[in-house]
Amino acid sequence: MSTRGASDRAPAVSAIICTRNRPDKIGTAVRTVLANEHDDFTLTVIDQSTDDETRSIVEAIAESDPRLRYVPMDEVGLSRAYNRGIAESAGPILAFTDDDCVVPTDWITSIEAAFRSEPDGELLYGQVIALESEAEKGLTPQLLFDGPGRLAKGEGFRVTGMGANFAARRRLFESIGGFDEVLGGGGPLKSSQDYDLAYRAYCAGKVILTRHDVLIRHDGRREHDDWPTLMTNYGFGDGAFYTKHVRCRDPYALRLFATQAARNAGRQLFRVVRRRPMSLAYLRGMATGARSSFAYPVDRESRMYADGITGELVEEKVA
């Protein structure tokens, strides 16, 4: 049960932050979203934390800002949290950021403007830039674009995206379903729920926008010792994501899988030639994720793991 009811009138934009055990950062993330200059949005925080620290912080802010809603969630998994956020919100445009991000005051306005300028756009990924200094940027996951772009059938496609900064029209989820709950952080197949959503959108003939001017800053520095595990999990999720679509008898997914594996292997070979340390963490994770895919049945019609079909979550708003 949420602590604050939503208005009967849907806002123009519903912003969503999913969080788990980051009380040191959630307050900053929430405040920067609420500081946006847009005059018609709400913010819903989906909290899967194991203690009450995040609740206390968010509820304290909500006391003075009715646009903010706190929703606790016992089940774990990022994809589950996304789907709950979709169900708990009402706006025709949904804007997502992470609990370790800082957004500018024009973030929501720039998302709405991008969708307005391209009415056929259904999903949007913006830039994610490290909050740290130039010297430390290599330690923070980022997503950079040279300029605006479109990904669609007949216009080209590449696997891209990052959950720290994306938005979608609600009608996209009503058309292709929610996030695959077997994929994603905290789920059995670890990550790549964002890639999977984008690829399902592409397969359904939807247009994906990439925007360099929709940007946020990521306060997500990972130390050197964190990267092997991070890359293993990324590879694991990617392997499971690609393999799911290969199991749907999709030859293009097989091509993308082979290209990604070859590209990463090439990078490692280049490091050997340059006499730099080689890491096989991503490739090993990818192989393990591909094998692990077969532990879960696949629904070929929905392109979802059968244990994770969640399209119904966008049909019924949770009370």
C-alpha atoms as a PDB file:
ATOM      1  CA  MET A   1       0.000   0.000   0.000  1.00  0.00           C
ATOM      2  CA  SER A   2       1.299   3.445  -0.862  1.00  0.00           C
ATOM      3  CA  THR A   3       1.355   6.221   1.691  1.00  0.00           C
ATOM      4  CA  ARG A   4      -0.197   8.842  -0.543  1.00  0.00           C
ATOM      5  CA  GLY A   5      -3.021   8.637  -2.997  1.00  0.00           C
ATOM      6  CA  ALA A   6      -2.761   9.863  -6.576  1.00  0.00           C
ATOM      7  CA  SER A   7      -4.951  12.558  -8.066  1.00  0.00           C
ATOM      8  CA  ASP A   8      -7.842  11.456 -10.272  1.00  0.00           C
ATOM      9  CA  ARG A   9      -6.421  13.642 -13.048  1.00  0.00           C
ATOM     10  CA  ALA A  10      -3.439  12.171 -14.839  1.00  0.00           C
ATOM     11  CA  PRO A  11      -0.374  14.423 -14.993  1.00  0.00           C
ATOM     12  CA  ALA A  12       1.324  15.117 -18.313  1.00  0.00           C
ATOM     13  CA  VAL A  13       4.397  13.188 -17.156  1.00  0.00           C
ATOM     14  CA  SER A  14       4.877  10.574 -14.452  1.00  0.00           C
ATOM     15  CA  ALA A  15       8.455  10.351 -13.190  1.00  0.00           C
ATOM     16  CA  ILE A  16       9.565   7.125 -11.492  1.00  0.00           C
ATOM     17  CA  ILE A  17      12.567   6.228  -9.339  1.00  0.00           C
ATOM     18  CA  CYS A  18      13.130   2.624  -8.251  1.00  0.00           C
ATOM     19  CA  THR A  19      15.391   2.266  -5.211  1.00  0.00           C
ATOM     20  CA  ARG A  20      16.870  -0.312  -2.875  1.00  0.00           C
ATOM     21  CA  ASN A  21      19.076   0.410   0.139  1.00  0.00           C
ATOM     22  CA  ARG A  22      20.531   3.734  -0.969  1.00  0.00           C
ATOM     23  CA  PRO A  23      19.399   6.124   1.757  1.00  0.00           C
ATOM     24  CA  ASP A  24      22.591   8.142   1.268  1.00  0.00           C
ATOM     25  CA  LYS A  25      21.586   9.084  -2.298  1.00  0.00           C
ATOM     26  CA  ILE A  26      17.814   8.822  -2.665  1.00  0.00           C
ATOM     27  CA  GLY A  27      17.130  12.241  -1.103  1.00  0.00           C
ATOM     28  CA  THR A  28      19.301  14.038  -3.643  1.00  0.00           C
ATOM     29  CA  ALA A  29      17.763  12.145  -6.553  1.00  0.00           C
ATOM     30  CA  VAL A  30      14.213  12.895  -5.405  1.00  0.00           C
ATOM     31  CA  ARG A  31      14.884  16.580  -4.760  1.00  0.00           C
ATOM     32  CA  THR A  32      16.472  17.133  -8.171  1.00  0.00           C
ATOM     33  CA  VAL A  33      13.468  15.597  -9.918  1.00  0.00           C
ATOM     34  CA  LEU A  34      11.041  17.675  -7.863  1.00  0.00           C
ATOM     35  CA  ALA A  35      13.064  20.804  -8.718  1.00  0.00           C
ATOM     36  CA  ASN A  36      12.156  20.407 -12.392  1.00  0.00           C
ATOM     37  CA  GLU A  37      10.596  23.474 -13.980  1.00  0.00           C
ATOM     38  CA  HIS A  38       7.819  21.484 -15.675  1.00  0.00           C
ATOM     39  CA  ASP A  39       4.435  22.426 -14.216  1.00  0.00           C
ATOM     40  CA  ASP A  40       2.521  19.134 -14.563  1.00  0.00           C
ATOM     41  CA  PHE A  41       4.298  16.016 -13.320  1.00  0.00           C
ATOM     42  CA  THR A  42       4.340  13.600 -10.407  1.00  0.00           C
ATOM     43  CA  LEU A  43       7.114  11.480  -8.938  1.00  0.00           C
ATOM     44  CA  THR A  44       6.632   7.937  -7.640  1.00  0.00           C
ATOM     45  CA  VAL A  45       9.361   6.216  -5.625  1.00  0.00           C
ATOM     46  CA  ILE A  46       9.220   2.408  -5.647  1.00  0.00           C
ATOM     47  CA  ASP A  47      11.191   1.177  -2.646  1.00  0.00           C
ATOM     48  CA  GLN A  48      12.501  -2.380  -2.243  1.00  0.00           C
ATOM     49  CA  SER A  49      14.802  -1.529   0.671  1.00  0.00           C
ATOM     50  CA  THR A  50      15.357  -3.921   3.561  1.00  0.00           C
ATOM     51  CA  ASP A  51      15.051  -1.211   6.231  1.00  0.00           C
ATOM     52  CA  ASP A  52      13.031   1.968   6.855  1.00  0.00           C
ATOM     53  CA  GLU A  53      15.728   4.578   6.179  1.00  0.00           C
ATOM     54  CA  THR A  54      14.597   5.298   2.627  1.00  0.00           C
ATOM     55  CA  ARG A  55      10.957   5.455   3.695  1.00  0.00           C
ATOM     56  CA  SER A  56      11.757   8.067   6.341  1.00  0.00           C
ATOM     57  CA  ILE A  57      13.680  10.233   3.881  1.00  0.00           C
ATOM     58  CA  VAL A  58      11.099  10.101   1.098  1.00  0.00           C
ATOM     59  CA  GLU A  59       8.088  10.546   3.369  1.00  0.00           C
ATOM     60  CA  ALA A  60       9.702  13.584   4.982  1.00  0.00           C
ATOM     61  CA  ILE A  61      10.056  15.211   1.558  1.00  0.00           C
ATOM     62  CA  ALA A  62       6.519  14.153   0.594  1.00  0.00           C
ATOM     63  CA  GLU A  63       5.087  15.991   3.604  1.00  0.00           C
ATOM     64  CA  SER A  64       5.767  19.289   1.833  1.00  0.00           C
ATOM     65  CA  ASP A  65       5.311  18.184  -1.789  1.00  0.00           C
ATOM     66  CA  PRO A  66       2.070  16.442  -2.842  1.00  0.00           C
ATOM     67  CA  ARG A  67       3.572  15.519  -6.216  1.00  0.00           C
ATOM     68  CA  LEU A  68       5.671  12.861  -4.486  1.00  0.00           C
ATOM     69  CA  ARG A  69       4.370   9.377  -3.781  1.00  0.00           C
ATOM     70  CA  TYR A  70       6.108   6.602  -1.829  1.00  0.00           C
ATOM     71  CA  VAL A  71       5.322   2.952  -2.639  1.00  0.00           C
ATOM     72  CA  PRO A  72       7.022   0.183  -0.646  1.00  0.00           C
ATOM     73  CA  MET A  73       7.479  -3.186  -2.336  1.00  0.00           C
ATOM     74  CA  ASP A  74       8.373  -6.489  -0.687  1.00  0.00           C
ATOM     75  CA  GLU A  75       9.293  -8.372  -3.863  1.00  0.00           C
ATOM     76  CA  VAL A  76      12.794  -7.744  -5.207  1.00  0.00           C
ATOM     77  CA  GLY A  77      13.962  -7.192  -8.770  1.00  0.00           C
ATOM     78  CA  LEU A  78      14.419  -4.064 -10.851  1.00  0.00           C
ATOM     79  CA  SER A  79      12.051  -5.190 -13.605  1.00  0.00           C
ATOM     80  CA  ARG A  80       9.362  -5.862 -11.004  1.00  0.00           C
ATOM     81  CA  ALA A  81       9.929  -2.391  -9.588  1.00  0.00           C
ATOM     82  CA  TYR A  82       9.633  -0.810 -13.044  1.00  0.00           C
ATOM     83  CA  ASN A  83       6.394  -2.654 -13.681  1.00  0.00           C
ATOM     84  CA  ARG A  84       5.027  -1.583 -10.314  1.00  0.00           C
ATOM     85  CA  GLY A  85       5.968   2.010 -11.097  1.00  0.00           C
ATOM     86  CA  ILE A  86       4.123   1.827 -14.417  1.00  0.00           C
ATOM     87  CA  ALA A  87       1.043   0.419 -12.676  1.00  0.00           C
ATOM     88  CA  GLU A  88       1.152   2.974  -9.855  1.00  0.00           C
ATOM     89  CA  SER A  89       1.407   6.002 -12.162  1.00  0.00           C
ATOM     90  CA  ALA A  90      -1.048   7.564 -14.596  1.00  0.00           C
ATOM     91  CA  GLY A  91       0.731   9.915 -17.015  1.00  0.00           C
ATOM     92  CA  PRO A  92       0.809   9.245 -20.766  1.00  0.00           C
ATOM     93  CA  ILE A  93       4.590   9.809 -20.658  1.00  0.00           C
ATOM     94  CA  LEU A  94       6.741   7.955 -18.117  1.00  0.00           C
ATOM     95  CA  ALA A  95      10.218   9.255 -17.237  1.00  0.00           C
ATOM     96  CA  PHE A  96      12.644   7.022 -15.345  1.00  0.00           C
ATOM     97  CA  THR A  97      15.868   7.776 -13.528  1.00  0.00           C
ATOM     98  CA  ASP A  98      17.897   6.004 -10.854  1.00  0.00           C
ATOM     99  CA  ASP A  99      18.393   6.604  -7.157  1.00  0.00           C
ATOM    100  CA  ASP A 100      22.045   7.583  -7.710  1.00  0.00           C
ATOM    101  CA  CYS A 101      21.378  10.223 -10.366  1.00  0.00           C
ATOM    102  CA  VAL A 102      21.138  13.999 -10.437  1.00  0.00           C
ATOM    103  CA  VAL A 103      18.784  15.452 -13.042  1.00  0.00           C
ATOM    104  CA  PRO A 104      18.748  19.036 -14.355  1.00  0.00           C
ATOM    105  CA  THR A 105      15.722  21.302 -13.989  1.00  0.00           C
ATOM    106  CA  ASP A 106      14.786  20.890 -17.671  1.00  0.00           C
ATOM    107  CA  TRP A 107      14.941  17.075 -17.709  1.00  0.00           C
ATOM    108  CA  ILE A 108      11.192  16.470 -17.847  1.00  0.00           C
ATOM    109  CA  THR A 109      10.598  19.379 -20.231  1.00  0.00           C
ATOM    110  CA  SER A 110      13.241  18.062 -22.631  1.00  0.00           C
ATOM    111  CA  ILE A 111      11.694  14.577 -22.597  1.00  0.00           C
ATOM    112  CA  GLU A 112       8.239  15.939 -23.361  1.00  0.00           C
ATOM    113  CA  ALA A 113       9.652  18.166 -26.124  1.00  0.00           C
ATOM    114  CA  ALA A 114      11.430  15.206 -27.753  1.00  0.00           C
ATOM    115  CA  PHE A 115       8.240  13.173 -27.879  1.00  0.00           C
ATOM    116  CA  ARG A 116       6.273  16.168 -29.139  1.00  0.00           C
ATOM    117  CA  SER A 117       8.756  16.723 -31.962  1.00  0.00           C
ATOM    118  CA  GLU A 118       8.539  13.083 -33.075  1.00  0.00           C
ATOM    119  CA  PRO A 119       4.979  11.835 -32.517  1.00  0.00           C
ATOM    120  CA  ASP A 120       5.842   8.291 -33.611  1.00  0.00           C
ATOM    121  CA  GLY A 121       8.579   7.959 -30.980  1.00  0.00           C
ATOM    122  CA  GLU A 122       7.621   5.415 -28.300  1.00  0.00           C
ATOM    123  CA  LEU A 123      10.808   4.921 -26.268  1.00  0.00           C
ATOM    124  CA  LEU A 124      13.585   7.410 -25.537  1.00  0.00           C
ATOM    125  CA  TYR A 125      17.100   7.076 -24.143  1.00  0.00           C
ATOM    126  CA  GLY A 126      19.027  10.125 -23.007  1.00  0.00           C
ATOM    127  CA  GLN A 127      22.659  10.724 -22.130  1.00  0.00           C
ATOM    128  CA  VAL A 128      24.112   9.550 -18.840  1.00  0.00           C
ATOM    129  CA  ILE A 129      27.218  11.516 -17.837  1.00  0.00           C
ATOM    130  CA  ALA A 130      29.484  10.851 -14.866  1.00  0.00           C
ATOM    131  CA  LEU A 131      29.103  13.247 -11.966  1.00  0.00           C
ATOM    132  CA  GLU A 132      32.799  12.964 -11.084  1.00  0.00           C
ATOM    133  CA  SER A 133      35.779  14.830 -12.455  1.00  0.00           C
ATOM    134  CA  GLU A 134      37.258  14.041 -15.856  1.00  0.00           C
ATOM    135  CA  ALA A 135      39.994  11.934 -14.257  1.00  0.00           C
ATOM    136  CA  GLU A 136      37.430   9.628 -12.610  1.00  0.00           C
ATOM    137  CA  LYS A 137      34.881   9.265 -15.399  1.00  0.00           C
ATOM    138  CA  GLY A 138      36.201   5.889 -16.507  1.00  0.00           C
ATOM    139  CA  LEU A 139      34.960   4.422 -13.224  1.00  0.00           C
ATOM    140  CA  THR A 140      31.310   5.413 -13.720  1.00  0.00           C
ATOM    141  CA  PRO A 141      28.910   3.713 -16.179  1.00  0.00           C
ATOM    142  CA  GLN A 142      27.873   6.238 -18.837  1.00  0.00           C
ATOM    143  CA  LEU A 143      25.814   6.405 -22.036  1.00  0.00           C
ATOM    144  CA  LEU A 144      26.899   9.036 -24.569  1.00  0.00           C
ATOM    145  CA  PHE A 145      25.325  10.165 -27.848  1.00  0.00           C
ATOM    146  CA  ASP A 146      26.828  12.448 -30.493  1.00  0.00           C
ATOM    147  CA  GLY A 147      23.430  13.870 -31.428  1.00  0.00           C
ATOM    148  CA  PRO A 148      19.763  12.970 -31.868  1.00  0.00           C
ATOM    149  CA  GLY A 149      18.934   9.640 -33.456  1.00  0.00           C
ATOM    150  CA  ARG A 150      16.152   7.234 -34.378  1.00  0.00           C
ATOM    151  CA  LEU A 151      16.178   3.449 -34.227  1.00  0.00           C
ATOM    152  CA  ALA A 152      13.442   1.672 -36.156  1.00  0.00           C
ATOM    153  CA  LYS A 153      12.799  -0.863 -38.862  1.00  0.00           C
ATOM    154  CA  GLY A 154      14.042   0.571 -42.134  1.00  0.00           C
ATOM    155  CA  GLU A 155      16.107   3.193 -40.274  1.00  0.00           C
ATOM    156  CA  GLY A 156      18.687   0.991 -38.558  1.00  0.00           C
ATOM    157  CA  PHE A 157      19.034  -0.508 -35.119  1.00  0.00           C
ATOM    158  CA  ARG A 158      21.678  -1.080 -32.491  1.00  0.00           C
ATOM    159  CA  VAL A 159      21.396  -2.394 -28.974  1.00  0.00           C
ATOM    160  CA  THR A 160      21.652   0.612 -26.682  1.00  0.00           C
ATOM    161  CA  GLY A 161      20.095   2.088 -23.578  1.00  0.00           C
ATOM    162  CA  MET A 162      20.608   2.618 -19.866  1.00  0.00           C
ATOM    163  CA  GLY A 163      18.028   2.539 -17.112  1.00  0.00           C
ATOM    164  CA  ALA A 164      19.411   5.675 -15.480  1.00  0.00           C
ATOM    165  CA  ASN A 165      17.793   7.915 -18.096  1.00  0.00           C
ATOM    166  CA  PHE A 166      14.924   6.721 -20.259  1.00  0.00           C
ATOM    167  CA  ALA A 167      11.317   7.549 -20.975  1.00  0.00           C
ATOM    168  CA  ALA A 168       8.420   5.908 -22.770  1.00  0.00           C
ATOM    169  CA  ARG A 169       4.886   6.555 -23.812  1.00  0.00           C
ATOM    170  CA  ARG A 170       2.431   4.519 -21.762  1.00  0.00           C
ATOM    171  CA  ARG A 171       0.993   3.138 -24.977  1.00  0.00           C
ATOM    172  CA  LEU A 172       4.290   1.288 -25.592  1.00  0.00           C
ATOM    173  CA  PHE A 173       3.749  -0.867 -22.503  1.00  0.00           C
ATOM    174  CA  GLU A 174       0.099  -1.341 -23.380  1.00  0.00           C
ATOM    175  CA  SER A 175       1.255  -2.645 -26.777  1.00  0.00           C
ATOM    176  CA  ILE A 176       4.255  -4.867 -25.986  1.00  0.00           C
ATOM    177  CA  GLY A 177       3.883  -5.506 -22.244  1.00  0.00           C
ATOM    178  CA  GLY A 178       6.025  -4.469 -19.339  1.00  0.00           C
ATOM    179  CA  PHE A 179       9.588  -5.385 -18.413  1.00  0.00           C
ATOM    180  CA  ASP A 180      10.584  -9.048 -18.431  1.00  0.00           C
ATOM    181  CA  GLU A 181      10.889  -9.860 -14.732  1.00  0.00           C
ATOM    182  CA  VAL A 182      13.284 -12.753 -15.270  1.00  0.00           C
ATOM    183  CA  LEU A 183      15.805 -10.205 -16.576  1.00  0.00           C
ATOM    184  CA  GLY A 184      17.125  -7.182 -14.687  1.00  0.00           C
ATOM    185  CA  GLY A 185      19.040  -6.502 -11.496  1.00  0.00           C
ATOM    186  CA  GLY A 186      17.800  -8.646  -8.613  1.00  0.00           C
ATOM    187  CA  GLY A 187      16.195 -11.079 -11.054  1.00  0.00           C
ATOM    188  CA  PRO A 188      17.512 -14.557 -11.860  1.00  0.00           C
ATOM    189  CA  LEU A 189      19.127 -13.426 -15.124  1.00  0.00           C
ATOM    190  CA  LYS A 190      20.777 -10.356 -13.564  1.00  0.00           C
ATOM    191  CA  SER A 191      20.561  -7.474 -16.101  1.00  0.00           C
ATOM    192  CA  SER A 192      19.724  -6.282 -19.661  1.00  0.00           C
ATOM    193  CA  GLN A 193      16.042  -5.574 -19.045  1.00  0.00           C
ATOM    194  CA  ASP A 194      16.573  -2.236 -20.824  1.00  0.00           C
ATOM    195  CA  TYR A 195      18.088  -3.838 -23.934  1.00  0.00           C
ATOM    196  CA  ASP A 196      15.280  -6.362 -23.977  1.00  0.00           C
ATOM    197  CA  LEU A 197      12.595  -3.687 -23.816  1.00  0.00           C
ATOM    198  CA  ALA A 198      14.220  -1.758 -26.667  1.00  0.00           C
ATOM    199  CA  TYR A 199      14.560  -4.864 -28.823  1.00  0.00           C
ATOM    200  CA  ARG A 200      10.946  -5.910 -28.241  1.00  0.00           C
ATOM    201  CA  ALA A 201       9.909  -2.372 -29.176  1.00  0.00           C
ATOM    202  CA  TYR A 202      11.968  -2.573 -32.364  1.00  0.00           C
ATOM    203  CA  CYS A 203      10.535  -5.982 -33.274  1.00  0.00           C
ATOM    204  CA  ALA A 204       7.022  -4.577 -32.810  1.00  0.00           C
ATOM    205  CA  GLY A 205       7.752  -1.794 -35.322  1.00  0.00           C
ATOM    206  CA  LYS A 206       8.096   0.986 -32.733  1.00  0.00           C
ATOM    207  CA  VAL A 207      10.430   3.979 -32.997  1.00  0.00           C
ATOM    208  CA  ILE A 208      13.176   4.468 -30.396  1.00  0.00           C
ATOM    209  CA  LEU A 209      14.649   7.940 -29.949  1.00  0.00           C
ATOM    210  CA  THR A 210      18.151   8.721 -28.667  1.00  0.00           C
ATOM    211  CA  ARG A 211      18.743  12.251 -27.425  1.00  0.00           C
ATOM    212  CA  HIS A 212      21.992  13.905 -26.414  1.00  0.00           C
ATOM    213  CA  ASP A 213      20.145  16.913 -24.963  1.00  0.00           C
ATOM    214  CA  VAL A 214      18.110  14.796 -22.532  1.00  0.00           C
ATOM    215  CA  LEU A 215      20.845  14.235 -19.980  1.00  0.00           C
ATOM    216  CA  ILE A 216      21.412  13.387 -16.362  1.00  0.00           C
ATOM    217  CA  ARG A 217      24.512  13.021 -14.213  1.00  0.00           C
ATOM    218  CA  HIS A 218      25.313   9.658 -12.669  1.00  0.00           C
ATOM    219  CA  ASP A 219      26.681   9.534  -9.122  1.00  0.00           C
ATOM    220  CA  GLY A 220      27.460   5.848  -9.596  1.00  0.00           C
ATOM    221  CA  ARG A 221      31.218   5.534  -9.369  1.00  0.00           C
ATOM    222  CA  ARG A 222      32.408   1.925  -9.212  1.00  0.00           C
ATOM    223  CA  GLU A 223      35.813   1.184  -7.772  1.00  0.00           C
ATOM    224  CA  HIS A 224      38.336  -0.836  -9.778  1.00  0.00           C
ATOM    225  CA  ASP A 225      37.596  -3.968  -7.752  1.00  0.00           C
ATOM    226  CA  ASP A 226      33.881  -3.674  -8.578  1.00  0.00           C
ATOM    227  CA  TRP A 227      34.250  -3.846 -12.351  1.00  0.00           C
ATOM    228  CA  PRO A 228      34.907  -7.584 -12.855  1.00  0.00           C
ATOM    229  CA  THR A 229      31.653  -8.463 -11.093  1.00  0.00           C
ATOM    230  CA  LEU A 230      29.808  -5.666 -12.865  1.00  0.00           C
ATOM    231  CA  MET A 231      31.020  -6.816 -16.284  1.00  0.00           C
ATOM    232  CA  THR A 232      30.202 -10.436 -15.476  1.00  0.00           C
ATOM    233  CA  ASN A 233      26.636  -9.454 -14.609  1.00  0.00           C
ATOM    234  CA  TYR A 234      26.331  -7.292 -17.727  1.00  0.00           C
ATOM    235  CA  GLY A 235      27.556 -10.174 -19.854  1.00  0.00           C
ATOM    236  CA  PHE A 236      25.267 -12.632 -18.083  1.00  0.00           C
ATOM    237  CA  GLY A 237      22.200 -10.495 -18.743  1.00  0.00           C
ATOM    238  CA  ASP A 238      23.199  -9.820 -22.335  1.00  0.00           C
ATOM    239  CA  GLY A 239      23.695 -13.512 -23.013  1.00  0.00           C
ATOM    240  CA  ALA A 240      20.289 -14.312 -21.535  1.00  0.00           C
ATOM    241  CA  PHE A 241      18.604 -11.456 -23.430  1.00  0.00           C
ATOM    242  CA  TYR A 242      20.027 -12.399 -26.826  1.00  0.00           C
ATOM    243  CA  THR A 243      19.416 -16.107 -26.272  1.00  0.00           C
ATOM    244  CA  LYS A 244      15.767 -15.531 -25.400  1.00  0.00           C
ATOM    245  CA  HIS A 245      15.175 -13.909 -28.780  1.00  0.00           C
ATOM    246  CA  VAL A 246      17.235 -16.534 -30.576  1.00  0.00           C
ATOM    247  CA  ARG A 247      14.930 -19.107 -28.965  1.00  0.00           C
ATOM    248  CA  CYS A 248      12.059 -17.122 -30.479  1.00  0.00           C
ATOM    249  CA  ARG A 249      13.578 -18.152 -33.841  1.00  0.00           C
ATOM    250  CA  ASP A 250      14.850 -14.674 -34.587  1.00  0.00           C
ATOM    251  CA  PRO A 251      17.893 -14.772 -36.918  1.00  0.00           C
ATOM    252  CA  TYR A 252      18.590 -11.066 -36.431  1.00  0.00           C
ATOM    253  CA  ALA A 253      18.963 -11.641 -32.675  1.00  0.00           C
ATOM    254  CA  LEU A 254      21.490 -14.386 -33.429  1.00  0.00           C
ATOM    255  CA  ARG A 255      23.407 -11.966 -35.637  1.00  0.00           C
ATOM    256  CA  LEU A 256      23.406  -9.309 -32.920  1.00  0.00           C
ATOM    257  CA  PHE A 257      24.569 -11.889 -30.367  1.00  0.00           C
ATOM    258  CA  ALA A 258      27.460 -13.015 -32.563  1.00  0.00           C
ATOM    259  CA  THR A 259      28.436  -9.423 -33.366  1.00  0.00           C
ATOM    260  CA  GLN A 260      28.502  -8.409 -29.705  1.00  0.00           C
ATOM    261  CA  ALA A 261      30.561 -11.432 -28.696  1.00  0.00           C
ATOM    262  CA  ALA A 262      33.010 -10.887 -31.558  1.00  0.00           C
ATOM    263  CA  ARG A 263      33.339  -7.178 -30.796  1.00  0.00           C
ATOM    264  CA  ASN A 264      34.162  -7.822 -27.148  1.00  0.00           C
ATOM    265  CA  ALA A 265      36.615 -10.600 -28.059  1.00  0.00           C
ATOM    266  CA  GLY A 266      38.288  -8.185 -30.478  1.00  0.00           C
ATOM    267  CA  ARG A 267      38.682  -5.586 -27.738  1.00  0.00           C
ATOM    268  CA  GLN A 268      40.359  -8.139 -25.495  1.00  0.00           C
ATOM    269  CA  LEU A 269      42.713  -9.219 -28.267  1.00  0.00           C
ATOM    270  CA  PHE A 270      43.618  -5.566 -28.853  1.00  0.00           C
ATOM    271  CA  ARG A 271      44.463  -5.254 -25.155  1.00  0.00           C
ATOM    272  CA  VAL A 272      46.784  -8.242 -25.455  1.00  0.00           C
ATOM    273  CA  VAL A 273      48.521  -6.674 -28.456  1.00  0.00           C
ATOM    274  CA  ARG A 274      48.919  -3.451 -26.465  1.00  0.00           C
ATOM    275  CA  ARG A 275      50.252  -5.512 -23.536  1.00  0.00           C
ATOM    276  CA  ARG A 276      47.417  -4.497 -21.277  1.00  0.00           C
ATOM    277  CA  PRO A 277      45.617  -6.788 -18.839  1.00  0.00           C
ATOM    278  CA  MET A 278      42.888  -8.819 -20.527  1.00  0.00           C
ATOM    279  CA  SER A 279      39.526  -9.458 -18.860  1.00  0.00           C
ATOM    280  CA  LEU A 280      37.230 -12.245 -19.951  1.00  0.00           C
ATOM    281  CA  ALA A 281      34.607 -11.369 -17.318  1.00  0.00           C
ATOM    282  CA  TYR A 282      32.061 -10.097 -19.846  1.00  0.00           C
ATOM    283  CA  LEU A 283      32.497 -12.999 -22.291  1.00  0.00           C
ATOM    284  CA  ARG A 284      32.355 -15.584 -19.524  1.00  0.00           C
ATOM    285  CA  GLY A 285      29.237 -13.924 -18.152  1.00  0.00           C
ATOM    286  CA  MET A 286      27.709 -13.884 -21.615  1.00  0.00           C
ATOM    287  CA  ALA A 287      28.292 -17.618 -22.067  1.00  0.00           C
ATOM    288  CA  THR A 288      26.864 -18.399 -18.628  1.00  0.00           C
ATOM    289  CA  GLY A 289      23.818 -16.187 -19.253  1.00  0.00           C
ATOM    290  CA  ALA A 290      23.162 -17.894 -22.588  1.00  0.00           C
ATOM    291  CA  ARG A 291      23.210 -21.319 -20.911  1.00  0.00           C
ATOM    292  CA  SER A 292      21.080 -20.099 -18.019  1.00  0.00           C
ATOM    293  CA  SER A 293      18.404 -18.873 -20.435  1.00  0.00           C
ATOM    294  CA  PHE A 294      17.350 -22.460 -21.030  1.00  0.00           C
ATOM    295  CA  ALA A 295      16.285 -22.843 -17.403  1.00  0.00           C
ATOM    296  CA  TYR A 296      13.264 -20.654 -18.233  1.00  0.00           C
ATOM    297  CA  PRO A 297      10.553 -21.298 -20.811  1.00  0.00           C
ATOM    298  CA  VAL A 298      10.003 -18.653 -23.479  1.00  0.00           C
ATOM    299  CA  ASP A 299       6.694 -17.383 -24.814  1.00  0.00           C
ATOM    300  CA  ARG A 300       7.437 -16.727 -28.465  1.00  0.00           C
ATOM    301  CA  GLU A 301       4.378 -14.589 -29.100  1.00  0.00           C
ATOM    302  CA  SER A 302       5.158 -12.046 -26.371  1.00  0.00           C
ATOM    303  CA  ARG A 303       8.960 -12.541 -26.575  1.00  0.00           C
ATOM    304  CA  MET A 304       9.005 -12.826 -22.799  1.00  0.00           C
ATOM    305  CA  TYR A 305      10.314 -15.482 -20.498  1.00  0.00           C
ATOM    306  CA  ALA A 306       7.143 -17.356 -19.652  1.00  0.00           C
ATOM    307  CA  ASP A 307       7.803 -16.979 -15.923  1.00  0.00           C
ATOM    308  CA  GLY A 308       8.082 -13.234 -16.397  1.00  0.00           C
ATOM    309  CA  ILE A 309       5.116 -12.232 -18.580  1.00  0.00           C
ATOM    310  CA  THR A 310       4.015  -8.928 -17.043  1.00  0.00           C
ATOM    311  CA  GLY A 311       1.862  -7.164 -19.605  1.00  0.00           C
ATOM    312  CA  GLU A 312      -1.118  -7.297 -17.241  1.00  0.00           C
ATOM    313  CA  LEU A 313       0.673  -4.951 -14.826  1.00  0.00           C
ATOM    314  CA  VAL A 314      -0.006  -1.951 -17.034  1.00  0.00           C
ATOM    315  CA  GLU A 315      -3.705  -2.749 -17.321  1.00  0.00           C
ATOM    316  CA  GLU A 316      -4.617  -2.499 -13.652  1.00  0.00           C
ATOM    317  CA  LYS A 317      -3.533   0.278 -11.337  1.00  0.00           C
ATOM    318  CA  VAL A 318      -2.518  -1.041  -7.937  1.00  0.00           C
ATOM    319  CA  ALA A 319      -4.655   0.330  -5.116  1.00  0.00           C
END
